[in-house]
Structure formats: C-alpha cells, structure tokens
C-alpha atoms as a PDB file:
ATOM      1  CA  UNK A   1      31.408  88.400  44.769  1.00  0.00           C
ATOM      2  CA  UNK A   2      32.509  86.229  47.687  1.00  0.00           C
ATOM      3  CA  UNK A   3      29.589  84.700  49.535  1.00  0.00           C
ATOM      4  CA  UNK A   4      29.392  85.758  53.169  1.00  0.00           C
ATOM      5  CA  UNK A   5      29.471  82.421  54.928  1.00  0.00           C
ATOM      6  CA  UNK A   6      29.842  82.237  58.704  1.00  0.00           C
ATOM      7  CA  UNK A   7      31.926  79.318  59.914  1.00  0.00           C
ATOM      8  CA  UNK A   8      31.319  78.805  63.627  1.00  0.00           C
ATOM      9  CA  UNK A   9      33.423  75.679  64.045  1.00  0.00           C
ATOM     10  CA  UNK A  10      36.211  75.571  61.485  1.00  0.00           C
ATOM     11  CA  UNK A  11      37.794  72.646  63.334  1.00  0.00           C
ATOM     12  CA  UNK A  12      34.663  70.566  62.882  1.00  0.00           C
ATOM     13  CA  UNK A  13      34.033  71.654  59.298  1.00  0.00           C
ATOM     14  CA  UNK A  14      34.508  69.152  56.474  1.00  0.00           C
ATOM     15  CA  UNK A  15      34.581  70.241  52.843  1.00  0.00           C
ATOM     16  CA  UNK A  16      33.506  67.637  50.311  1.00  0.00           C
ATOM     17  CA  UNK A  17      35.073  67.963  46.876  1.00  0.00           C
ATOM     18  CA  UNK A  18      32.857  66.222  44.341  1.00  0.00           C
ATOM     19  CA  UNK A  19      33.926  64.881  40.986  1.00  0.00           C
ATOM     20  CA  UNK A  20      31.223  65.056  38.292  1.00  0.00           C
ATOM     21  CA  UNK A  21      31.566  62.452  35.531  1.00  0.00           C
ATOM     22  CA  UNK A  22      31.153  58.919  36.810  1.00  0.00           C
ATOM     23  CA  UNK A  23      30.463  60.180  40.330  1.00  0.00           C
ATOM     24  CA  UNK A  24      27.377  62.387  40.079  1.00  0.00           C
ATOM     25  CA  UNK A  25      26.331  61.825  36.470  1.00  0.00           C
ATOM     26  CA  UNK A  26      27.025  59.725  33.407  1.00  0.00           C
ATOM     27  CA  UNK A  27      26.201  60.006  29.730  1.00  0.00           C
ATOM     28  CA  UNK A  28      24.154  57.384  27.930  1.00  0.00           C
ATOM     29  CA  UNK A  29      26.387  55.365  25.662  1.00  0.00           C
ATOM     30  CA  UNK A  30      30.131  55.553  25.237  1.00  0.00           C
ATOM     31  CA  UNK A  31      31.789  58.213  23.142  1.00  0.00           C
ATOM     32  CA  UNK A  32      29.417  61.058  24.036  1.00  0.00           C
ATOM     33  CA  UNK A  33      32.399  63.153  25.040  1.00  0.00           C
ATOM     34  CA  UNK A  34      33.759  63.090  21.503  1.00  0.00           C
ATOM     35  CA  UNK A  35      30.464  64.303  20.015  1.00  0.00           C
ATOM     36  CA  UNK A  36      30.804  67.799  21.453  1.00  0.00           C
ATOM     37  CA  UNK A  37      34.560  67.944  22.004  1.00  0.00           C
ATOM     38  CA  UNK A  38      35.734  67.000  18.516  1.00  0.00           C
ATOM     39  CA  UNK A  39      34.083  69.926  16.645  1.00  0.00           C
ATOM     40  CA  UNK A  40      35.621  72.396  19.097  1.00  0.00           C
ATOM     41  CA  UNK A  41      39.116  70.952  18.669  1.00  0.00           C
ATOM     42  CA  UNK A  42      38.747  71.076  14.900  1.00  0.00           C
ATOM     43  CA  UNK A  43      37.803  74.759  15.071  1.00  0.00           C
ATOM     44  CA  UNK A  44      40.544  75.692  17.542  1.00  0.00           C
ATOM     45  CA  UNK A  45      43.444  73.548  16.357  1.00  0.00           C
ATOM     46  CA  UNK A  46      42.444  72.220  12.944  1.00  0.00           C
ATOM     47  CA  UNK A  47      42.609  68.627  14.151  1.00  0.00           C
ATOM     48  CA  UNK A  48      41.211  66.362  16.858  1.00  0.00           C
ATOM     49  CA  UNK A  49      44.370  64.247  16.807  1.00  0.00           C
ATOM     50  CA  UNK A  50      44.025  61.030  18.788  1.00  0.00           C
ATOM     51  CA  UNK A  51      40.851  62.054  20.591  1.00  0.00           C
ATOM     52  CA  UNK A  52      38.746  58.960  21.206  1.00  0.00           C
ATOM     53  CA  UNK A  53      41.695  56.580  21.114  1.00  0.00           C
ATOM     54  CA  UNK A  54      42.744  56.678  24.776  1.00  0.00           C
ATOM     55  CA  UNK A  55      41.249  56.472  28.255  1.00  0.00           C
ATOM     56  CA  UNK A  56      40.223  59.944  29.490  1.00  0.00           C
ATOM     57  CA  UNK A  57      38.779  59.033  32.908  1.00  0.00           C
ATOM     58  CA  UNK A  58      40.251  61.197  35.642  1.00  0.00           C
ATOM     59  CA  UNK A  59      42.005  63.630  33.298  1.00  0.00           C
ATOM     60  CA  UNK A  60      41.445  67.358  33.114  1.00  0.00           C
ATOM     61  CA  UNK A  61      40.040  68.723  29.857  1.00  0.00           C
ATOM     62  CA  UNK A  62      43.327  70.501  29.143  1.00  0.00           C
ATOM     63  CA  UNK A  63      45.231  67.262  29.691  1.00  0.00           C
ATOM     64  CA  UNK A  64      42.854  65.427  27.359  1.00  0.00           C
ATOM     65  CA  UNK A  65      43.472  67.999  24.643  1.00  0.00           C
ATOM     66  CA  UNK A  66      47.225  67.745  25.115  1.00  0.00           C
ATOM     67  CA  UNK A  67      47.182  63.942  24.970  1.00  0.00           C
ATOM     68  CA  UNK A  68      45.050  64.118  21.821  1.00  0.00           C
ATOM     69  CA  UNK A  69      47.227  66.676  20.074  1.00  0.00           C
ATOM     70  CA  UNK A  70      50.787  66.134  21.279  1.00  0.00           C
ATOM     71  CA  UNK A  71      51.632  63.841  18.352  1.00  0.00           C
ATOM     72  CA  UNK A  72      50.541  66.688  16.077  1.00  0.00           C
ATOM     73  CA  UNK A  73      53.255  68.855  17.614  1.00  0.00           C
ATOM     74  CA  UNK A  74      51.132  70.957  19.967  1.00  0.00           C
ATOM     75  CA  UNK A  75      52.712  71.962  23.278  1.00  0.00           C
ATOM     76  CA  UNK A  76      50.999  72.426  26.665  1.00  0.00           C
ATOM     77  CA  UNK A  77      51.666  76.159  26.365  1.00  0.00           C
ATOM     78  CA  UNK A  78      49.859  76.338  23.023  1.00  0.00           C
ATOM     79  CA  UNK A  79      46.862  74.518  24.444  1.00  0.00           C
ATOM     80  CA  UNK A  80      46.704  76.624  27.600  1.00  0.00           C
ATOM     81  CA  UNK A  81      46.814  79.754  25.439  1.00  0.00           C
ATOM     82  CA  UNK A  82      43.477  78.749  23.869  1.00  0.00           C
ATOM     83  CA  UNK A  83      41.720  78.098  27.197  1.00  0.00           C
ATOM     84  CA  UNK A  84      39.468  81.150  27.074  1.00  0.00           C
ATOM     85  CA  UNK A  85      38.319  80.203  23.570  1.00  0.00           C
ATOM     86  CA  UNK A  86      37.686  76.637  24.714  1.00  0.00           C
ATOM     87  CA  UNK A  87      35.584  77.925  27.604  1.00  0.00           C
ATOM     88  CA  UNK A  88      33.578  80.050  25.182  1.00  0.00           C
ATOM     89  CA  UNK A  89      33.063  77.449  22.462  1.00  0.00           C
ATOM     90  CA  UNK A  90      32.488  74.182  24.333  1.00  0.00           C
ATOM     91  CA  UNK A  91      29.254  74.991  26.253  1.00  0.00           C
ATOM     92  CA  UNK A  92      27.209  75.908  23.143  1.00  0.00           C
ATOM     93  CA  UNK A  93      28.393  72.727  21.440  1.00  0.00           C
ATOM     94  CA  UNK A  94      27.318  70.729  24.498  1.00  0.00           C
ATOM     95  CA  UNK A  95      23.906  72.409  24.481  1.00  0.00           C
ATOM     96  CA  UNK A  96      23.535  71.653  20.769  1.00  0.00           C
ATOM     97  CA  UNK A  97      24.460  67.988  21.242  1.00  0.00           C
ATOM     98  CA  UNK A  98      22.028  67.517  24.110  1.00  0.00           C
ATOM     99  CA  UNK A  99      19.237  69.391  22.323  1.00  0.00           C
ATOM    100  CA  UNK A 100      19.510  67.051  19.322  1.00  0.00           C
ATOM    101  CA  UNK A 101      19.615  63.974  21.525  1.00  0.00           C
ATOM    102  CA  UNK A 102      23.129  62.984  20.435  1.00  0.00           C
ATOM    103  CA  UNK A 103      24.205  63.257  24.080  1.00  0.00           C
ATOM    104  CA  UNK A 104      22.162  62.676  27.220  1.00  0.00           C
ATOM    105  CA  UNK A 105      23.339  62.984  30.810  1.00  0.00           C
ATOM    106  CA  UNK A 106      21.642  61.229  33.699  1.00  0.00           C
ATOM    107  CA  UNK A 107      22.004  61.152  37.479  1.00  0.00           C
ATOM    108  CA  UNK A 108      23.683  58.218  39.176  1.00  0.00           C
ATOM    109  CA  UNK A 109      21.954  56.338  42.038  1.00  0.00           C
ATOM    110  CA  UNK A 110      21.477  58.232  45.284  1.00  0.00           C
ATOM    111  CA  UNK A 111      23.060  61.476  44.113  1.00  0.00           C
ATOM    112  CA  UNK A 112      20.194  63.850  44.875  1.00  0.00           C
ATOM    113  CA  UNK A 113      19.598  62.318  48.302  1.00  0.00           C
ATOM    114  CA  UNK A 114      23.311  62.438  49.129  1.00  0.00           C
ATOM    115  CA  UNK A 115      23.694  66.086  48.138  1.00  0.00           C
ATOM    116  CA  UNK A 116      20.535  67.058  50.022  1.00  0.00           C
ATOM    117  CA  UNK A 117      21.687  65.251  53.169  1.00  0.00           C
ATOM    118  CA  UNK A 118      25.098  66.900  53.047  1.00  0.00           C
ATOM    119  CA  UNK A 119      23.553  70.326  52.424  1.00  0.00           C
ATOM    120  CA  UNK A 120      21.264  69.878  55.449  1.00  0.00           C
ATOM    121  CA  UNK A 121      24.166  69.104  57.803  1.00  0.00           C
ATOM    122  CA  UNK A 122      26.063  72.201  59.058  1.00  0.00           C
ATOM    123  CA  UNK A 123      29.234  70.134  59.412  1.00  0.00           C
ATOM    124  CA  UNK A 124      29.663  69.915  55.635  1.00  0.00           C
ATOM    125  CA  UNK A 125      30.189  72.191  52.678  1.00  0.00           C
ATOM    126  CA  UNK A 126      30.235  70.982  49.077  1.00  0.00           C
ATOM    127  CA  UNK A 127      32.371  72.150  46.176  1.00  0.00           C
ATOM    128  CA  UNK A 128      33.323  70.772  42.778  1.00  0.00           C
ATOM    129  CA  UNK A 129      36.685  69.212  41.969  1.00  0.00           C
ATOM    130  CA  UNK A 130      36.426  68.181  38.357  1.00  0.00           C
ATOM    131  CA  UNK A 131      38.482  67.822  35.229  1.00  0.00           C
ATOM    132  CA  UNK A 132      35.781  69.645  33.274  1.00  0.00           C
ATOM    133  CA  UNK A 133      36.439  73.241  32.342  1.00  0.00           C
ATOM    134  CA  UNK A 134      34.263  75.395  34.584  1.00  0.00           C
ATOM    135  CA  UNK A 135      31.540  76.441  32.104  1.00  0.00           C
ATOM    136  CA  UNK A 136      31.195  72.864  30.830  1.00  0.00           C
ATOM    137  CA  UNK A 137      30.826  71.597  34.405  1.00  0.00           C
ATOM    138  CA  UNK A 138      27.957  73.996  35.012  1.00  0.00           C
ATOM    139  CA  UNK A 139      26.256  73.038  31.751  1.00  0.00           C
ATOM    140  CA  UNK A 140      26.251  69.390  32.827  1.00  0.00           C
ATOM    141  CA  UNK A 141      24.945  70.138  36.303  1.00  0.00           C
ATOM    142  CA  UNK A 142      22.305  72.508  34.955  1.00  0.00           C
ATOM    143  CA  UNK A 143      21.062  69.824  32.564  1.00  0.00           C
ATOM    144  CA  UNK A 144      20.502  67.361  35.435  1.00  0.00           C
ATOM    145  CA  UNK A 145      19.387  69.900  38.074  1.00  0.00           C
ATOM    146  CA  UNK A 146      22.389  69.847  40.425  1.00  0.00           C
ATOM    147  CA  UNK A 147      24.011  73.264  40.090  1.00  0.00           C
ATOM    148  CA  UNK A 148      22.292  74.662  43.190  1.00  0.00           C
ATOM    149  CA  UNK A 149      24.229  72.342  45.521  1.00  0.00           C
ATOM    150  CA  UNK A 150      27.644  73.922  44.955  1.00  0.00           C
ATOM    151  CA  UNK A 151      27.766  77.416  46.418  1.00  0.00           C
ATOM    152  CA  UNK A 152      31.459  77.266  47.280  1.00  0.00           C
ATOM    153  CA  UNK A 153      34.085  77.902  44.617  1.00  0.00           C
ATOM    154  CA  UNK A 154      35.865  74.736  43.534  1.00  0.00           C
ATOM    155  CA  UNK A 155      38.541  73.858  40.997  1.00  0.00           C
ATOM    156  CA  UNK A 156      38.116  72.907  37.358  1.00  0.00           C
ATOM    157  CA  UNK A 157      39.964  71.508  34.379  1.00  0.00           C
ATOM    158  CA  UNK A 158      40.732  74.905  32.871  1.00  0.00           C
ATOM    159  CA  UNK A 159      43.124  75.766  35.712  1.00  0.00           C
ATOM    160  CA  UNK A 160      45.772  73.082  35.095  1.00  0.00           C
ATOM    161  CA  UNK A 161      46.705  70.166  32.882  1.00  0.00           C
ATOM    162  CA  UNK A 162      47.334  68.157  36.020  1.00  0.00           C
ATOM    163  CA  UNK A 163      44.497  66.994  38.231  1.00  0.00           C
ATOM    164  CA  UNK A 164      46.760  66.813  41.277  1.00  0.00           C
ATOM    165  CA  UNK A 165      46.989  70.625  41.219  1.00  0.00           C
ATOM    166  CA  UNK A 166      43.251  71.097  41.650  1.00  0.00           C
ATOM    167  CA  UNK A 167      42.723  70.488  45.410  1.00  0.00           C
ATOM    168  CA  UNK A 168      45.202  73.202  46.382  1.00  0.00           C
ATOM    169  CA  UNK A 169      43.475  75.608  43.991  1.00  0.00           C
ATOM    170  CA  UNK A 170      40.087  74.684  45.437  1.00  0.00           C
ATOM    171  CA  UNK A 171      41.348  75.018  49.013  1.00  0.00           C
ATOM    172  CA  UNK A 172      42.760  78.496  48.400  1.00  0.00           C
ATOM    173  CA  UNK A 173      39.458  79.665  46.923  1.00  0.00           C
ATOM    174  CA  UNK A 174      37.353  77.998  49.618  1.00  0.00           C
ATOM    175  CA  UNK A 175      39.451  79.301  52.509  1.00  0.00           C
ATOM    176  CA  UNK A 176      39.164  82.828  51.105  1.00  0.00           C
ATOM    177  CA  UNK A 177      35.405  82.377  50.742  1.00  0.00           C
ATOM    178  CA  UNK A 178      34.926  81.054  54.270  1.00  0.00           C
ATOM    179  CA  UNK A 179      37.405  83.376  55.942  1.00  0.00           C
ATOM    180  CA  UNK A 180      39.144  80.482  57.654  1.00  0.00           C
ATOM    181  CA  UNK A 181      41.827  77.880  57.005  1.00  0.00           C
ATOM    182  CA  UNK A 182      40.529  74.372  56.456  1.00  0.00           C
ATOM    183  CA  UNK A 183      43.419  71.888  56.774  1.00  0.00           C
ATOM    184  CA  UNK A 184      43.966  69.405  53.941  1.00  0.00           C
ATOM    185  CA  UNK A 185      42.769  66.396  55.945  1.00  0.00           C
ATOM    186  CA  UNK A 186      39.403  68.131  56.484  1.00  0.00           C
ATOM    187  CA  UNK A 187      38.772  67.945  52.753  1.00  0.00           C
ATOM    188  CA  UNK A 188      37.120  64.795  51.378  1.00  0.00           C
ATOM    189  CA  UNK A 189      37.451  63.960  47.693  1.00  0.00           C
ATOM    190  CA  UNK A 190      34.653  61.821  46.244  1.00  0.00           C
ATOM    191  CA  UNK A 191      35.396  60.375  42.819  1.00  0.00           C
ATOM    192  CA  UNK A 192      35.305  57.295  40.634  1.00  0.00           C
ATOM    193  CA  UNK A 193      38.864  56.919  39.305  1.00  0.00           C
ATOM    194  CA  UNK A 194      42.379  56.180  40.565  1.00  0.00           C
ATOM    195  CA  UNK A 195      43.272  59.754  39.599  1.00  0.00           C
ATOM    196  CA  UNK A 196      40.737  61.067  42.115  1.00  0.00           C
ATOM    197  CA  UNK A 197      42.311  58.934  44.833  1.00  0.00           C
ATOM    198  CA  UNK A 198      45.864  59.915  43.892  1.00  0.00           C
ATOM    199  CA  UNK A 199      44.859  63.585  43.786  1.00  0.00           C
ATOM    200  CA  UNK A 200      43.440  63.391  47.308  1.00  0.00           C
ATOM    201  CA  UNK A 201      46.597  61.714  48.593  1.00  0.00           C
ATOM    202  CA  UNK A 202      48.841  64.271  46.903  1.00  0.00           C
ATOM    203  CA  UNK A 203      47.018  67.100  48.676  1.00  0.00           C
ATOM    204  CA  UNK A 204      46.598  65.279  51.994  1.00  0.00           C
ATOM    205  CA  UNK A 205      42.810  64.968  51.780  1.00  0.00           C
ATOM    206  CA  UNK A 206      40.636  61.990  52.617  1.00  0.00           C
ATOM    207  CA  UNK A 207      39.012  60.066  49.787  1.00  0.00           C
ATOM    208  CA  UNK A 208      35.875  58.104  49.040  1.00  0.00           C
ATOM    209  CA  UNK A 209      35.932  56.110  45.811  1.00  0.00           C
ATOM    210  CA  UNK A 210      32.613  55.234  44.192  1.00  0.00           C
ATOM    211  CA  UNK A 211      32.440  52.458  41.619  1.00  0.00           C
ATOM    212  CA  UNK A 212      29.938  54.196  39.361  1.00  0.00           C
ATOM    213  CA  UNK A 213      32.278  55.136  36.529  1.00  0.00           C
ATOM    214  CA  UNK A 214      32.711  53.125  33.345  1.00  0.00           C
ATOM    215  CA  UNK A 215      36.259  51.953  33.888  1.00  0.00           C
ATOM    216  CA  UNK A 216      36.989  50.917  37.475  1.00  0.00           C
ATOM    217  CA  UNK A 217      35.250  48.343  39.665  1.00  0.00           C
ATOM    218  CA  UNK A 218      35.437  48.296  43.492  1.00  0.00           C
ATOM    219  CA  UNK A 219      38.427  45.944  43.590  1.00  0.00           C
ATOM    220  CA  UNK A 220      40.402  48.084  41.157  1.00  0.00           C
ATOM    221  CA  UNK A 221      39.654  51.215  43.162  1.00  0.00           C
ATOM    222  CA  UNK A 222      40.507  49.525  46.460  1.00  0.00           C
ATOM    223  CA  UNK A 223      43.972  48.686  45.122  1.00  0.00           C
ATOM    224  CA  UNK A 224      44.646  52.428  44.861  1.00  0.00           C
ATOM    225  CA  UNK A 225      44.222  52.903  48.620  1.00  0.00           C
ATOM    226  CA  UNK A 226      41.282  55.267  49.150  1.00  0.00           C
ATOM    227  CA  UNK A 227      39.950  55.640  52.674  1.00  0.00           C
ATOM    228  CA  UNK A 228      36.678  53.983  51.645  1.00  0.00           C
ATOM    229  CA  UNK A 229      35.206  52.345  48.538  1.00  0.00           C
ATOM    230  CA  UNK A 230      31.442  52.481  47.946  1.00  0.00           C
ATOM    231  CA  UNK A 231      29.555  50.698  45.193  1.00  0.00           C
ATOM    232  CA  UNK A 232      27.507  53.873  44.667  1.00  0.00           C
ATOM    233  CA  UNK A 233      25.841  56.655  46.660  1.00  0.00           C
ATOM    234  CA  UNK A 234      22.471  54.933  47.074  1.00  0.00           C
ATOM    235  CA  UNK A 235      23.040  53.788  50.683  1.00  0.00           C
ATOM    236  CA  UNK A 236      22.588  57.171  52.346  1.00  0.00           C
ATOM    237  CA  UNK A 237      23.080  55.867  55.897  1.00  0.00           C
ATOM    238  CA  UNK A 238      26.387  54.289  54.912  1.00  0.00           C
ATOM    239  CA  UNK A 239      27.553  57.444  53.176  1.00  0.00           C
ATOM    240  CA  UNK A 240      26.713  59.683  56.123  1.00  0.00           C
ATOM    241  CA  UNK A 241      28.341  57.277  58.603  1.00  0.00           C
ATOM    242  CA  UNK A 242      31.415  57.218  56.394  1.00  0.00           C
ATOM    243  CA  UNK A 243      31.589  61.014  56.273  1.00  0.00           C
ATOM    244  CA  UNK A 244      31.043  61.242  60.023  1.00  0.00           C
ATOM    245  CA  UNK A 245      34.145  59.100  60.553  1.00  0.00           C
ATOM    246  CA  UNK A 246      36.427  61.679  58.920  1.00  0.00           C
END
C-alpha cells in the first residue's frame, strides 16, 4: 500500500538515495559476499563461475551473477528469469551465514546520526538505491538496525543488470508515493564507488561520494567528478551543510 505522505513544498524537497554496502555498512573481512552468494548460485545454475575473481563494487546483484557466469554460457535473459528464485533463496542463506558468524555486518562511522538528522528535517526524504536485490537489502539493514529509516520505495539490484537504470526506477516509485514530481536534480545519490557517481550523472542527480568502501580512496572518487567527496559520514555538520547546498 502506498504511504500517504503530504508534500507541502515539492520544490524545496530533496530525496536522498542511499547506497548500502560501503556507504552505510560493511562486512568484516573480505570475501563475505561469496560465503552466502556462492551456495545460491550453485543451487540455481549448477556453478558459481568466476564469482570471487573480479571487482563487484558498484554492480547490481544481477550484473554480478552475469559477470560470474557469462563464460559458462549463461545469458542475461537466463539470469533475469531466475530472479524470483534468487530473491527467495538468498535471504535465508544470508541469515544462516550471519547466525554462524561466517559473516558479520557493521555500521560505518556517523551513519545512525546522519540518518536521524535527515529524518528529522522536513526538507529531506530517504530511499535506498542499491545493487542488492530487495530482500537481501532489507536483511542487511535489519541486522544492523537501519530498516526503519527508509519508508519511501527505492530501487534495487533485482530490477536491472545495469545500475544506471536504478535512479529512474526509484524516481517513478517515489513520485507515485509522494503524489508529486521531484525533478532529477532534487535527488542526491550517496555512495562509495565510481558507479554511484556515474549513475547519478546519468540520471541528472547530485552526488556525494564517501570514501568508506574497500576499493576507492577520496582522490580516486574525486577524479570521477561527484559534487562532493567526504571521507565518511562522521562529520554531521559538514554533511548537513553539504546537503543544504543542493
């Protein structure tokens, strides 16, 4: 059911689209992703292909599966056709891996304070823009206590192989939810990879890059041309001043 949200000033509204991995949370140790993803791929496709042998940061889950399995002859269409099964099978495997201690997720600096400050300001709404399939995204946020911050519908990695498609999907859902039309430059993408920055540019949104992921430092992110680069979200005054400038 669509939430009945009243938008008094749609011109002044800013919608923040939050990435998850490397932006809000991280897992302890490298390779945690493979622990719960590999068994699911083996069950669905009979192989995990090249999973674990390439950089996955900024990809959607469907894209990751395609990159892992394309040398085995699988097509994007074949992978997309198994999306509902993936959405059903991955969350229990994630719960199992976290229950046994094989995988542990933790919050990055300043995340709770940032989300609380944004939620308290009527100028902002928050939604997710993540490469995770939707049920996996909610498992992660539930495990670290963040799911309550994202009342608006967002866009997830089960809707497209290509991350650049996600903002338009999110915007369509959000505009329907709010009963208004938020222009692209009133969306703000916050993420930790060049793909997040490129996705924002493709849609026409603003972007804040945070250097809290495993793969990209501030200089590397700055080369990609975001509006702003932050070391992390721990300086709440700086974050809120940055958002106020958009």
